[in-house]
C-alpha atoms as a PDB file:
ATOM      1  CA  UNK A   1      17.471 -39.663  59.569  1.00  0.00           C
ATOM      2  CA  UNK A   2      14.349 -38.982  61.580  1.00  0.00           C
ATOM      3  CA  UNK A   3      15.113 -37.418  64.955  1.00  0.00           C
ATOM      4  CA  UNK A   4      15.116 -40.120  67.569  1.00  0.00           C
ATOM      5  CA  UNK A   5      12.742 -38.311  69.880  1.00  0.00           C
ATOM      6  CA  UNK A   6      10.079 -38.450  67.155  1.00  0.00           C
ATOM      7  CA  UNK A   7      10.571 -42.196  66.869  1.00  0.00           C
ATOM      8  CA  UNK A   8      10.234 -42.455  70.637  1.00  0.00           C
ATOM      9  CA  UNK A   9       6.823 -40.791  70.458  1.00  0.00           C
ATOM     10  CA  UNK A  10       5.812 -42.851  67.447  1.00  0.00           C
ATOM     11  CA  UNK A  11       6.808 -46.166  69.013  1.00  0.00           C
ATOM     12  CA  UNK A  12       4.961 -45.357  72.216  1.00  0.00           C
ATOM     13  CA  UNK A  13       1.884 -44.395  70.166  1.00  0.00           C
ATOM     14  CA  UNK A  14       2.243 -47.684  68.297  1.00  0.00           C
ATOM     15  CA  UNK A  15       1.771 -49.652  71.513  1.00  0.00           C
ATOM     16  CA  UNK A  16       5.401 -50.578  72.107  1.00  0.00           C
ATOM     17  CA  UNK A  17       7.370 -50.343  75.320  1.00  0.00           C
ATOM     18  CA  UNK A  18       8.824 -47.013  76.289  1.00  0.00           C
ATOM     19  CA  UNK A  19      12.093 -46.340  74.441  1.00  0.00           C
ATOM     20  CA  UNK A  20      14.429 -47.087  77.418  1.00  0.00           C
ATOM     21  CA  UNK A  21      13.222 -50.690  77.169  1.00  0.00           C
ATOM     22  CA  UNK A  22      14.449 -50.992  73.575  1.00  0.00           C
ATOM     23  CA  UNK A  23      17.904 -51.437  72.068  1.00  0.00           C
ATOM     24  CA  UNK A  24      18.494 -48.940  69.285  1.00  0.00           C
ATOM     25  CA  UNK A  25      20.582 -50.054  66.309  1.00  0.00           C
ATOM     26  CA  UNK A  26      21.623 -47.574  63.620  1.00  0.00           C
ATOM     27  CA  UNK A  27      23.956 -50.063  61.923  1.00  0.00           C
ATOM     28  CA  UNK A  28      23.482 -53.795  61.508  1.00  0.00           C
ATOM     29  CA  UNK A  29      25.625 -55.755  64.013  1.00  0.00           C
ATOM     30  CA  UNK A  30      27.406 -59.017  63.237  1.00  0.00           C
ATOM     31  CA  UNK A  31      24.927 -60.848  65.460  1.00  0.00           C
ATOM     32  CA  UNK A  32      21.560 -59.635  66.700  1.00  0.00           C
ATOM     33  CA  UNK A  33      20.750 -59.937  70.423  1.00  0.00           C
ATOM     34  CA  UNK A  34      17.978 -62.457  71.025  1.00  0.00           C
ATOM     35  CA  UNK A  35      16.847 -61.531  74.521  1.00  0.00           C
ATOM     36  CA  UNK A  36      15.676 -57.938  74.013  1.00  0.00           C
ATOM     37  CA  UNK A  37      13.435 -55.788  71.864  1.00  0.00           C
ATOM     38  CA  UNK A  38      15.236 -54.026  69.026  1.00  0.00           C
ATOM     39  CA  UNK A  39      14.713 -50.860  67.008  1.00  0.00           C
ATOM     40  CA  UNK A  40      16.413 -51.149  63.630  1.00  0.00           C
ATOM     41  CA  UNK A  41      16.821 -47.866  61.760  1.00  0.00           C
ATOM     42  CA  UNK A  42      17.249 -47.556  57.955  1.00  0.00           C
ATOM     43  CA  UNK A  43      21.023 -47.496  58.362  1.00  0.00           C
ATOM     44  CA  UNK A  44      20.868 -51.174  59.286  1.00  0.00           C
ATOM     45  CA  UNK A  45      19.911 -52.120  55.731  1.00  0.00           C
ATOM     46  CA  UNK A  46      16.828 -53.058  53.682  1.00  0.00           C
ATOM     47  CA  UNK A  47      13.979 -54.471  55.783  1.00  0.00           C
ATOM     48  CA  UNK A  48      13.790 -57.736  53.822  1.00  0.00           C
ATOM     49  CA  UNK A  49      17.485 -58.421  54.391  1.00  0.00           C
ATOM     50  CA  UNK A  50      17.088 -57.657  58.078  1.00  0.00           C
ATOM     51  CA  UNK A  51      14.056 -59.938  58.354  1.00  0.00           C
ATOM     52  CA  UNK A  52      16.056 -62.791  56.805  1.00  0.00           C
ATOM     53  CA  UNK A  53      18.631 -62.429  59.591  1.00  0.00           C
ATOM     54  CA  UNK A  54      15.936 -62.505  62.299  1.00  0.00           C
ATOM     55  CA  UNK A  55      14.120 -65.833  61.789  1.00  0.00           C
ATOM     56  CA  UNK A  56      11.467 -66.650  64.346  1.00  0.00           C
ATOM     57  CA  UNK A  57      11.350 -63.160  65.797  1.00  0.00           C
ATOM     58  CA  UNK A  58       8.182 -61.034  65.938  1.00  0.00           C
ATOM     59  CA  UNK A  59       8.638 -58.190  63.440  1.00  0.00           C
ATOM     60  CA  UNK A  60       6.658 -54.991  62.919  1.00  0.00           C
ATOM     61  CA  UNK A  61       7.378 -52.242  60.407  1.00  0.00           C
ATOM     62  CA  UNK A  62       6.500 -48.737  61.652  1.00  0.00           C
ATOM     63  CA  UNK A  63       6.254 -46.150  58.876  1.00  0.00           C
ATOM     64  CA  UNK A  64       5.528 -42.401  58.567  1.00  0.00           C
ATOM     65  CA  UNK A  65       5.774 -41.572  62.283  1.00  0.00           C
ATOM     66  CA  UNK A  66       3.347 -39.165  63.938  1.00  0.00           C
ATOM     67  CA  UNK A  67       1.339 -38.479  60.802  1.00  0.00           C
ATOM     68  CA  UNK A  68      -2.122 -39.668  59.786  1.00  0.00           C
ATOM     69  CA  UNK A  69      -0.294 -42.235  57.638  1.00  0.00           C
ATOM     70  CA  UNK A  70       1.580 -43.822  60.559  1.00  0.00           C
ATOM     71  CA  UNK A  71       1.175 -47.559  60.351  1.00  0.00           C
ATOM     72  CA  UNK A  72       2.570 -50.460  62.327  1.00  0.00           C
ATOM     73  CA  UNK A  73       2.208 -53.720  60.386  1.00  0.00           C
ATOM     74  CA  UNK A  74       3.463 -57.293  60.715  1.00  0.00           C
ATOM     75  CA  UNK A  75       6.515 -57.799  58.535  1.00  0.00           C
ATOM     76  CA  UNK A  76       7.123 -58.735  55.760  1.00  0.00           C
ATOM     77  CA  UNK A  77       4.831 -56.213  54.110  1.00  0.00           C
ATOM     78  CA  UNK A  78       4.915 -53.662  51.324  1.00  0.00           C
ATOM     79  CA  UNK A  79       7.014 -50.642  52.282  1.00  0.00           C
ATOM     80  CA  UNK A  80       5.132 -48.625  49.649  1.00  0.00           C
ATOM     81  CA  UNK A  81       6.375 -45.048  49.253  1.00  0.00           C
ATOM     82  CA  UNK A  82       7.279 -44.285  52.831  1.00  0.00           C
ATOM     83  CA  UNK A  83      10.653 -42.626  53.245  1.00  0.00           C
ATOM     84  CA  UNK A  84      10.717 -43.029  57.027  1.00  0.00           C
ATOM     85  CA  UNK A  85      10.546 -46.361  58.805  1.00  0.00           C
ATOM     86  CA  UNK A  86      11.948 -48.474  61.579  1.00  0.00           C
ATOM     87  CA  UNK A  87      11.753 -52.217  62.045  1.00  0.00           C
ATOM     88  CA  UNK A  88      10.593 -53.227  65.527  1.00  0.00           C
ATOM     89  CA  UNK A  89      11.759 -56.608  66.719  1.00  0.00           C
ATOM     90  CA  UNK A  90      10.193 -58.396  69.675  1.00  0.00           C
ATOM     91  CA  UNK A  91       6.844 -58.978  71.325  1.00  0.00           C
ATOM     92  CA  UNK A  92       6.817 -55.381  72.541  1.00  0.00           C
ATOM     93  CA  UNK A  93       6.047 -54.274  68.984  1.00  0.00           C
ATOM     94  CA  UNK A  94       2.306 -54.260  69.466  1.00  0.00           C
ATOM     95  CA  UNK A  95      -0.645 -52.923  67.454  1.00  0.00           C
ATOM     96  CA  UNK A  96      -0.577 -49.357  66.187  1.00  0.00           C
ATOM     97  CA  UNK A  97      -2.655 -47.506  68.759  1.00  0.00           C
ATOM     98  CA  UNK A  98      -2.112 -44.362  66.697  1.00  0.00           C
ATOM     99  CA  UNK A  99      -4.575 -45.787  64.182  1.00  0.00           C
ATOM    100  CA  UNK A 100      -7.272 -45.877  66.862  1.00  0.00           C
ATOM    101  CA  UNK A 101      -7.228 -42.087  67.190  1.00  0.00           C
ATOM    102  CA  UNK A 102     -10.578 -40.824  65.895  1.00  0.00           C
ATOM    103  CA  UNK A 103      -9.204 -38.509  63.197  1.00  0.00           C
ATOM    104  CA  UNK A 104      -6.447 -40.871  62.071  1.00  0.00           C
ATOM    105  CA  UNK A 105      -5.897 -40.734  58.316  1.00  0.00           C
ATOM    106  CA  UNK A 106      -7.632 -37.391  57.780  1.00  0.00           C
ATOM    107  CA  UNK A 107      -5.897 -34.375  56.266  1.00  0.00           C
ATOM    108  CA  UNK A 108      -7.672 -31.253  57.518  1.00  0.00           C
ATOM    109  CA  UNK A 109      -7.088 -27.684  56.343  1.00  0.00           C
ATOM    110  CA  UNK A 110      -7.423 -24.853  58.873  1.00  0.00           C
ATOM    111  CA  UNK A 111      -8.261 -21.538  57.258  1.00  0.00           C
ATOM    112  CA  UNK A 112      -7.278 -19.314  60.184  1.00  0.00           C
ATOM    113  CA  UNK A 113      -4.057 -17.381  60.523  1.00  0.00           C
ATOM    114  CA  UNK A 114      -1.323 -19.564  62.109  1.00  0.00           C
ATOM    115  CA  UNK A 115      -1.245 -17.528  65.335  1.00  0.00           C
ATOM    116  CA  UNK A 116      -4.978 -18.093  65.800  1.00  0.00           C
ATOM    117  CA  UNK A 117      -4.922 -21.722  64.722  1.00  0.00           C
ATOM    118  CA  UNK A 118      -2.345 -23.049  67.204  1.00  0.00           C
ATOM    119  CA  UNK A 119      -4.744 -24.435  69.816  1.00  0.00           C
ATOM    120  CA  UNK A 120      -7.050 -26.052  67.257  1.00  0.00           C
ATOM    121  CA  UNK A 121      -4.110 -27.449  65.305  1.00  0.00           C
ATOM    122  CA  UNK A 122      -2.668 -29.095  68.424  1.00  0.00           C
ATOM    123  CA  UNK A 123      -6.055 -30.528  69.355  1.00  0.00           C
ATOM    124  CA  UNK A 124      -6.624 -32.057  65.925  1.00  0.00           C
ATOM    125  CA  UNK A 125      -3.101 -33.479  65.763  1.00  0.00           C
ATOM    126  CA  UNK A 126      -3.624 -35.104  69.164  1.00  0.00           C
ATOM    127  CA  UNK A 127      -6.716 -36.739  67.667  1.00  0.00           C
ATOM    128  CA  UNK A 128      -4.600 -38.164  64.842  1.00  0.00           C
ATOM    129  CA  UNK A 129      -5.236 -35.702  61.997  1.00  0.00           C
ATOM    130  CA  UNK A 130      -2.642 -34.244  59.688  1.00  0.00           C
ATOM    131  CA  UNK A 131      -3.242 -30.485  59.721  1.00  0.00           C
ATOM    132  CA  UNK A 132      -2.539 -28.142  56.816  1.00  0.00           C
ATOM    133  CA  UNK A 133      -2.411 -24.480  57.809  1.00  0.00           C
ATOM    134  CA  UNK A 134      -4.100 -22.602  54.999  1.00  0.00           C
ATOM    135  CA  UNK A 135      -4.802 -19.027  56.123  1.00  0.00           C
ATOM    136  CA  UNK A 136      -7.327 -17.496  53.746  1.00  0.00           C
ATOM    137  CA  UNK A 137      -7.643 -14.225  55.627  1.00  0.00           C
ATOM    138  CA  UNK A 138      -5.067 -11.590  56.429  1.00  0.00           C
ATOM    139  CA  UNK A 139      -6.136  -8.797  58.748  1.00  0.00           C
ATOM    140  CA  UNK A 140      -5.143  -5.222  57.944  1.00  0.00           C
ATOM    141  CA  UNK A 141      -6.300  -1.759  58.947  1.00  0.00           C
ATOM    142  CA  UNK A 142      -9.682  -0.635  57.594  1.00  0.00           C
ATOM    143  CA  UNK A 143      -9.814   1.587  54.526  1.00  0.00           C
ATOM    144  CA  UNK A 144     -11.145   4.454  56.629  1.00  0.00           C
ATOM    145  CA  UNK A 145      -9.886   4.527  60.244  1.00  0.00           C
ATOM    146  CA  UNK A 146     -11.719   7.790  61.007  1.00  0.00           C
ATOM    147  CA  UNK A 147     -14.931   6.222  62.448  1.00  0.00           C
ATOM    148  CA  UNK A 148     -12.943   4.163  64.943  1.00  0.00           C
ATOM    149  CA  UNK A 149     -10.751   7.119  65.931  1.00  0.00           C
ATOM    150  CA  UNK A 150     -13.814   9.300  66.432  1.00  0.00           C
ATOM    151  CA  UNK A 151     -15.541   6.651  68.531  1.00  0.00           C
ATOM    152  CA  UNK A 152     -12.471   6.192  70.735  1.00  0.00           C
ATOM    153  CA  UNK A 153     -12.296   9.923  71.493  1.00  0.00           C
ATOM    154  CA  UNK A 154     -15.791   9.766  73.021  1.00  0.00           C
ATOM    155  CA  UNK A 155     -15.674   6.227  74.331  1.00  0.00           C
ATOM    156  CA  UNK A 156     -17.077   7.213  77.722  1.00  0.00           C
ATOM    157  CA  UNK A 157     -20.344   8.300  76.072  1.00  0.00           C
ATOM    158  CA  UNK A 158     -21.384   4.797  75.028  1.00  0.00           C
ATOM    159  CA  UNK A 159     -23.841   2.713  77.043  1.00  0.00           C
ATOM    160  CA  UNK A 160     -22.966  -0.553  75.292  1.00  0.00           C
ATOM    161  CA  UNK A 161     -19.980  -1.923  73.386  1.00  0.00           C
ATOM    162  CA  UNK A 162     -20.667  -5.040  71.331  1.00  0.00           C
ATOM    163  CA  UNK A 163     -17.859  -7.287  70.086  1.00  0.00           C
ATOM    164  CA  UNK A 164     -18.606  -9.764  67.310  1.00  0.00           C
ATOM    165  CA  UNK A 165     -15.239 -11.536  66.895  1.00  0.00           C
ATOM    166  CA  UNK A 166     -11.902 -12.102  68.653  1.00  0.00           C
ATOM    167  CA  UNK A 167     -10.231 -10.085  65.895  1.00  0.00           C
ATOM    168  CA  UNK A 168     -12.552  -7.192  66.656  1.00  0.00           C
ATOM    169  CA  UNK A 169     -11.503  -7.348  70.306  1.00  0.00           C
ATOM    170  CA  UNK A 170      -7.809  -7.489  69.450  1.00  0.00           C
ATOM    171  CA  UNK A 171      -7.798  -4.674  66.902  1.00  0.00           C
ATOM    172  CA  UNK A 172     -10.048  -2.487  69.079  1.00  0.00           C
ATOM    173  CA  UNK A 173      -7.675  -2.633  72.020  1.00  0.00           C
ATOM    174  CA  UNK A 174      -4.650  -2.156  69.757  1.00  0.00           C
ATOM    175  CA  UNK A 175      -6.203   1.147  68.686  1.00  0.00           C
ATOM    176  CA  UNK A 176      -7.462   2.159  72.139  1.00  0.00           C
ATOM    177  CA  UNK A 177      -5.560   5.080  73.705  1.00  0.00           C
ATOM    178  CA  UNK A 178      -5.288   4.511  77.432  1.00  0.00           C
ATOM    179  CA  UNK A 179      -6.473   1.233  78.912  1.00  0.00           C
ATOM    180  CA  UNK A 180      -9.579  -0.823  79.509  1.00  0.00           C
ATOM    181  CA  UNK A 181     -10.730   1.379  82.385  1.00  0.00           C
ATOM    182  CA  UNK A 182     -12.134   3.758  79.783  1.00  0.00           C
ATOM    183  CA  UNK A 183     -14.853   1.168  79.223  1.00  0.00           C
ATOM    184  CA  UNK A 184     -15.909   1.319  82.869  1.00  0.00           C
ATOM    185  CA  UNK A 185     -19.237   3.033  82.150  1.00  0.00           C
ATOM    186  CA  UNK A 186     -20.292   0.785  79.289  1.00  0.00           C
ATOM    187  CA  UNK A 187     -21.885  -2.612  79.454  1.00  0.00           C
ATOM    188  CA  UNK A 188     -20.279  -5.248  77.261  1.00  0.00           C
ATOM    189  CA  UNK A 189     -21.752  -7.930  75.035  1.00  0.00           C
ATOM    190  CA  UNK A 190     -20.010 -10.517  72.848  1.00  0.00           C
ATOM    191  CA  UNK A 191     -21.228 -12.821  70.123  1.00  0.00           C
ATOM    192  CA  UNK A 192     -19.902 -16.022  71.677  1.00  0.00           C
ATOM    193  CA  UNK A 193     -17.489 -17.729  74.089  1.00  0.00           C
ATOM    194  CA  UNK A 194     -14.470 -17.326  71.812  1.00  0.00           C
ATOM    195  CA  UNK A 195     -14.937 -13.570  71.761  1.00  0.00           C
ATOM    196  CA  UNK A 196     -15.535 -13.602  75.529  1.00  0.00           C
ATOM    197  CA  UNK A 197     -12.214 -15.387  75.984  1.00  0.00           C
ATOM    198  CA  UNK A 198     -10.456 -12.778  73.849  1.00  0.00           C
ATOM    199  CA  UNK A 199     -12.014 -10.047  75.986  1.00  0.00           C
ATOM    200  CA  UNK A 200     -10.866 -11.737  79.196  1.00  0.00           C
ATOM    201  CA  UNK A 201      -7.246 -11.262  78.109  1.00  0.00           C
ATOM    202  CA  UNK A 202      -7.796  -7.562  78.742  1.00  0.00           C
ATOM    203  CA  UNK A 203      -9.255  -8.164  82.186  1.00  0.00           C
ATOM    204  CA  UNK A 204     -12.863  -7.694  81.073  1.00  0.00           C
ATOM    205  CA  UNK A 205     -15.871  -9.989  81.243  1.00  0.00           C
ATOM    206  CA  UNK A 206     -19.018  -9.510  79.160  1.00  0.00           C
ATOM    207  CA  UNK A 207     -22.396  -8.770  80.641  1.00  0.00           C
ATOM    208  CA  UNK A 208     -24.163 -10.651  77.835  1.00  0.00           C
ATOM    209  CA  UNK A 209     -23.134 -13.829  75.969  1.00  0.00           C
ATOM    210  CA  UNK A 210     -25.856 -15.275  73.714  1.00  0.00           C
ATOM    211  CA  UNK A 211     -26.746 -18.946  73.539  1.00  0.00           C
ATOM    212  CA  UNK A 212     -26.344 -18.830  69.750  1.00  0.00           C
ATOM    213  CA  UNK A 213     -23.112 -17.325  68.464  1.00  0.00           C
ATOM    214  CA  UNK A 214     -24.624 -15.387  65.557  1.00  0.00           C
ATOM    215  CA  UNK A 215     -25.868 -11.807  65.208  1.00  0.00           C
ATOM    216  CA  UNK A 216     -29.471 -12.970  65.536  1.00  0.00           C
ATOM    217  CA  UNK A 217     -28.572 -14.760  68.776  1.00  0.00           C
ATOM    218  CA  UNK A 218     -26.988 -11.616  70.190  1.00  0.00           C
ATOM    219  CA  UNK A 219     -30.091  -9.612  69.320  1.00  0.00           C
ATOM    220  CA  UNK A 220     -32.191 -12.198  71.146  1.00  0.00           C
ATOM    221  CA  UNK A 221     -29.915 -12.036  74.183  1.00  0.00           C
ATOM    222  CA  UNK A 222     -30.291  -8.248  74.264  1.00  0.00           C
ATOM    223  CA  UNK A 223     -34.091  -8.368  73.866  1.00  0.00           C
ATOM    224  CA  UNK A 224     -34.677  -7.726  77.558  1.00  0.00           C
ATOM    225  CA  UNK A 225     -32.343  -4.732  77.693  1.00  0.00           C
ATOM    226  CA  UNK A 226     -33.769  -1.225  77.148  1.00  0.00           C
ATOM    227  CA  UNK A 227     -32.267   0.222  73.973  1.00  0.00           C
ATOM    228  CA  UNK A 228     -34.348   3.343  73.340  1.00  0.00           C
ATOM    229  CA  UNK A 229     -31.934   6.276  73.294  1.00  0.00           C
ATOM    230  CA  UNK A 230     -28.945   4.122  74.237  1.00  0.00           C
ATOM    231  CA  UNK A 231     -25.623   4.703  72.479  1.00  0.00           C
ATOM    232  CA  UNK A 232     -24.099   1.475  71.181  1.00  0.00           C
ATOM    233  CA  UNK A 233     -20.587   1.060  69.773  1.00  0.00           C
ATOM    234  CA  UNK A 234     -20.050  -1.812  67.372  1.00  0.00           C
ATOM    235  CA  UNK A 235     -16.327  -2.326  66.590  1.00  0.00           C
ATOM    236  CA  UNK A 236     -16.157  -4.984  63.898  1.00  0.00           C
ATOM    237  CA  UNK A 237     -14.793  -6.048  60.521  1.00  0.00           C
ATOM    238  CA  UNK A 238     -15.111  -3.646  57.621  1.00  0.00           C
ATOM    239  CA  UNK A 239     -17.149  -6.242  55.734  1.00  0.00           C
ATOM    240  CA  UNK A 240     -19.968  -7.625  57.879  1.00  0.00           C
ATOM    241  CA  UNK A 241     -23.698  -8.222  57.836  1.00  0.00           C
ATOM    242  CA  UNK A 242     -26.018  -5.403  58.867  1.00  0.00           C
ATOM    243  CA  UNK A 243     -28.326  -7.610  60.938  1.00  0.00           C
ATOM    244  CA  UNK A 244     -27.027  -6.391  64.305  1.00  0.00           C
ATOM    245  CA  UNK A 245     -26.916  -2.608  63.757  1.00  0.00           C
ATOM    246  CA  UNK A 246     -30.258  -2.624  61.918  1.00  0.00           C
ATOM    247  CA  UNK A 247     -31.895  -4.683  64.661  1.00  0.00           C
ATOM    248  CA  UNK A 248     -30.653  -2.347  67.380  1.00  0.00           C
ATOM    249  CA  UNK A 249     -31.655   0.798  65.486  1.00  0.00           C
ATOM    250  CA  UNK A 250     -35.136  -0.632  65.048  1.00  0.00           C
ATOM    251  CA  UNK A 251     -35.369  -0.667  68.845  1.00  0.00           C
ATOM    252  CA  UNK A 252     -34.352   2.990  69.120  1.00  0.00           C
ATOM    253  CA  UNK A 253     -30.618   2.642  69.784  1.00  0.00           C
ATOM    254  CA  UNK A 254     -28.047   5.028  68.345  1.00  0.00           C
ATOM    255  CA  UNK A 255     -25.526   2.622  66.795  1.00  0.00           C
ATOM    256  CA  UNK A 256     -22.015   3.649  65.804  1.00  0.00           C
ATOM    257  CA  UNK A 257     -20.354   1.097  63.510  1.00  0.00           C
ATOM    258  CA  UNK A 258     -16.569   1.445  63.768  1.00  0.00           C
ATOM    259  CA  UNK A 259     -14.572  -0.841  61.431  1.00  0.00           C
ATOM    260  CA  UNK A 260     -11.436  -2.042  63.250  1.00  0.00           C
ATOM    261  CA  UNK A 261      -9.967  -4.176  60.475  1.00  0.00           C
ATOM    262  CA  UNK A 262     -10.596  -5.608  57.051  1.00  0.00           C
ATOM    263  CA  UNK A 263      -9.733  -8.976  55.579  1.00  0.00           C
ATOM    264  CA  UNK A 264      -7.721  -9.497  52.405  1.00  0.00           C
ATOM    265  CA  UNK A 265      -6.765 -12.526  50.329  1.00  0.00           C
ATOM    266  CA  UNK A 266      -3.360 -14.228  50.706  1.00  0.00           C
ATOM    267  CA  UNK A 267      -1.539 -16.061  47.952  1.00  0.00           C
ATOM    268  CA  UNK A 268      -2.840 -19.583  47.168  1.00  0.00           C
ATOM    269  CA  UNK A 269      -1.119 -22.426  48.981  1.00  0.00           C
ATOM    270  CA  UNK A 270      -0.137 -25.778  47.445  1.00  0.00           C
ATOM    271  CA  UNK A 271      -1.711 -28.971  48.746  1.00  0.00           C
ATOM    272  CA  UNK A 272      -5.332 -27.836  48.999  1.00  0.00           C
ATOM    273  CA  UNK A 273      -6.464 -30.345  46.410  1.00  0.00           C
ATOM    274  CA  UNK A 274      -5.291 -33.208  48.661  1.00  0.00           C
ATOM    275  CA  UNK A 275      -7.172 -32.299  51.861  1.00  0.00           C
ATOM    276  CA  UNK A 276     -10.093 -34.370  53.115  1.00  0.00           C
ATOM    277  CA  UNK A 277     -11.858 -31.625  55.044  1.00  0.00           C
ATOM    278  CA  UNK A 278     -11.690 -27.845  55.456  1.00  0.00           C
ATOM    279  CA  UNK A 279     -12.568 -25.934  58.630  1.00  0.00           C
ATOM    280  CA  UNK A 280     -14.350 -22.621  57.938  1.00  0.00           C
ATOM    281  CA  UNK A 281     -14.622 -20.288  60.925  1.00  0.00           C
ATOM    282  CA  UNK A 282     -16.426 -17.382  59.229  1.00  0.00           C
ATOM    283  CA  UNK A 283     -18.299 -16.363  56.097  1.00  0.00           C
ATOM    284  CA  UNK A 284     -15.277 -14.320  55.019  1.00  0.00           C
ATOM    285  CA  UNK A 285     -13.138 -17.449  55.275  1.00  0.00           C
ATOM    286  CA  UNK A 286     -15.659 -19.312  53.114  1.00  0.00           C
ATOM    287  CA  UNK A 287     -15.656 -16.609  50.438  1.00  0.00           C
ATOM    288  CA  UNK A 288     -11.871 -16.372  50.341  1.00  0.00           C
ATOM    289  CA  UNK A 289     -11.428 -20.135  50.375  1.00  0.00           C
ATOM    290  CA  UNK A 290     -13.757 -20.448  47.380  1.00  0.00           C
ATOM    291  CA  UNK A 291     -11.445 -18.131  45.419  1.00  0.00           C
ATOM    292  CA  UNK A 292      -8.478 -20.345  46.300  1.00  0.00           C
ATOM    293  CA  UNK A 293     -10.201 -23.694  45.781  1.00  0.00           C
ATOM    294  CA  UNK A 294     -12.391 -24.415  42.756  1.00  0.00           C
ATOM    295  CA  UNK A 295     -13.253 -27.931  43.974  1.00  0.00           C
ATOM    296  CA  UNK A 296     -15.835 -29.216  46.438  1.00  0.00           C
ATOM    297  CA  UNK A 297     -14.096 -30.516  49.584  1.00  0.00           C
ATOM    298  CA  UNK A 298     -16.097 -31.273  52.698  1.00  0.00           C
ATOM    299  CA  UNK A 299     -16.472 -28.033  54.687  1.00  0.00           C
ATOM    300  CA  UNK A 300     -16.872 -28.089  58.469  1.00  0.00           C
ATOM    301  CA  UNK A 301     -18.532 -24.774  59.343  1.00  0.00           C
ATOM    302  CA  UNK A 302     -18.538 -23.078  62.734  1.00  0.00           C
ATOM    303  CA  UNK A 303     -22.193 -22.092  62.495  1.00  0.00           C
ATOM    304  CA  UNK A 304     -25.297 -21.646  60.320  1.00  0.00           C
ATOM    305  CA  UNK A 305     -24.304 -18.297  58.809  1.00  0.00           C
ATOM    306  CA  UNK A 306     -20.964 -19.662  57.636  1.00  0.00           C
ATOM    307  CA  UNK A 307     -22.667 -22.831  56.390  1.00  0.00           C
ATOM    308  CA  UNK A 308     -25.217 -20.798  54.425  1.00  0.00           C
ATOM    309  CA  UNK A 309     -22.457 -18.698  52.856  1.00  0.00           C
ATOM    310  CA  UNK A 310     -20.545 -21.864  51.903  1.00  0.00           C
ATOM    311  CA  UNK A 311     -23.721 -23.313  50.378  1.00  0.00           C
ATOM    312  CA  UNK A 312     -24.335 -20.160  48.332  1.00  0.00           C
ATOM    313  CA  UNK A 313     -20.749 -20.361  47.071  1.00  0.00           C
ATOM    314  CA  UNK A 314     -21.363 -23.831  45.659  1.00  0.00           C
ATOM    315  CA  UNK A 315     -19.927 -26.067  48.355  1.00  0.00           C
ATOM    316  CA  UNK A 316     -22.250 -29.050  48.698  1.00  0.00           C
ATOM    317  CA  UNK A 317     -20.601 -31.270  51.321  1.00  0.00           C
ATOM    318  CA  UNK A 318     -21.278 -29.336  54.520  1.00  0.00           C
ATOM    319  CA  UNK A 319     -21.043 -30.208  58.207  1.00  0.00           C
ATOM    320  CA  UNK A 320     -22.217 -27.599  60.720  1.00  0.00           C
ATOM    321  CA  UNK A 321     -21.048 -27.384  64.323  1.00  0.00           C
ATOM    322  CA  UNK A 322     -23.858 -27.525  66.879  1.00  0.00           C
ATOM    323  CA  UNK A 323     -21.857 -25.393  69.307  1.00  0.00           C
ATOM    324  CA  UNK A 324     -20.577 -22.283  67.542  1.00  0.00           C
ATOM    325  CA  UNK A 325     -16.996 -22.247  68.781  1.00  0.00           C
ATOM    326  CA  UNK A 326     -13.739 -24.159  68.463  1.00  0.00           C
ATOM    327  CA  UNK A 327     -14.870 -27.048  70.645  1.00  0.00           C
ATOM    328  CA  UNK A 328     -18.019 -27.282  68.576  1.00  0.00           C
ATOM    329  CA  UNK A 329     -15.904 -27.610  65.431  1.00  0.00           C
ATOM    330  CA  UNK A 330     -13.882 -30.407  67.039  1.00  0.00           C
ATOM    331  CA  UNK A 331     -17.088 -32.168  68.056  1.00  0.00           C
ATOM    332  CA  UNK A 332     -18.449 -31.875  64.506  1.00  0.00           C
ATOM    333  CA  UNK A 333     -15.256 -33.400  63.114  1.00  0.00           C
ATOM    334  CA  UNK A 334     -15.505 -36.283  65.577  1.00  0.00           C
ATOM    335  CA  UNK A 335     -19.166 -37.181  65.047  1.00  0.00           C
ATOM    336  CA  UNK A 336     -19.001 -37.105  61.251  1.00  0.00           C
ATOM    337  CA  UNK A 337     -16.768 -38.872  58.752  1.00  0.00           C
ATOM    338  CA  UNK A 338     -15.498 -37.419  55.476  1.00  0.00           C
ATOM    339  CA  UNK A 339     -18.060 -38.058  52.789  1.00  0.00           C
END
């Protein structure tokens, strides 16, 4: 039996009165009340038999609560394959407002680790989507931790520290002996607002946040800063593009690349073949997802670099966020429809 609190949410989403205004029935009574709205659970019997005992009453069948498949239809109707349903009796059983949610009916795979996907998952579920957590990246220590250890021993010598992902921020501070005050001399730059938010959890705020959340955008944002002879620390993933360090070295900076973590493949998850859309938050996610999924689902990419990687991997149905962060991904999902 579905927990009653879930039915309460589902009925309210379906446009009915709030649950205190209903009479719940788990078993069919000898006579049905005629002056109130009723909720008849599966224990009351088959819907068609119940409908026959309720002539003249307004009936709605609510199925698959709080999922993209939730439907509230006039009864009699085909119950199809739904294993969860209630029969709503009375004028209060209105149209299914759940179906008006903009992502209703879409099954969307999130390729981030569950701990990082919570906020986006909740947002998409509020918009009516069914979310499949499909982490394609696991984060582990880099193959060679020596460069990071060496950089941390002389942290006070750096003029700039550049963070290119929230994971880089997290793993950097996990490895940092002491606290954030050791960064007091350095100026800080991040690749985008998501990384800035991760940095703020350690009481720090970046001096530079580019308008475009890609390495090229960060180089543009730093164009007005003198780099000749400056020491720059770049804590990042073990596997990453060389655009940023090469661009800074071309301007005379001494760049120390210190891998903080590397990404590895998890085991494949069932259900990928049934998703409508896949959210890709990085090029690494795109590469790993391609190894897990031989098909061509629609990919919603956080930015142009990820979209280009997905294209090179053979994905053809691409949607790119205009704003290169989580809210931009949500906006891209809302303005486009699965192709």
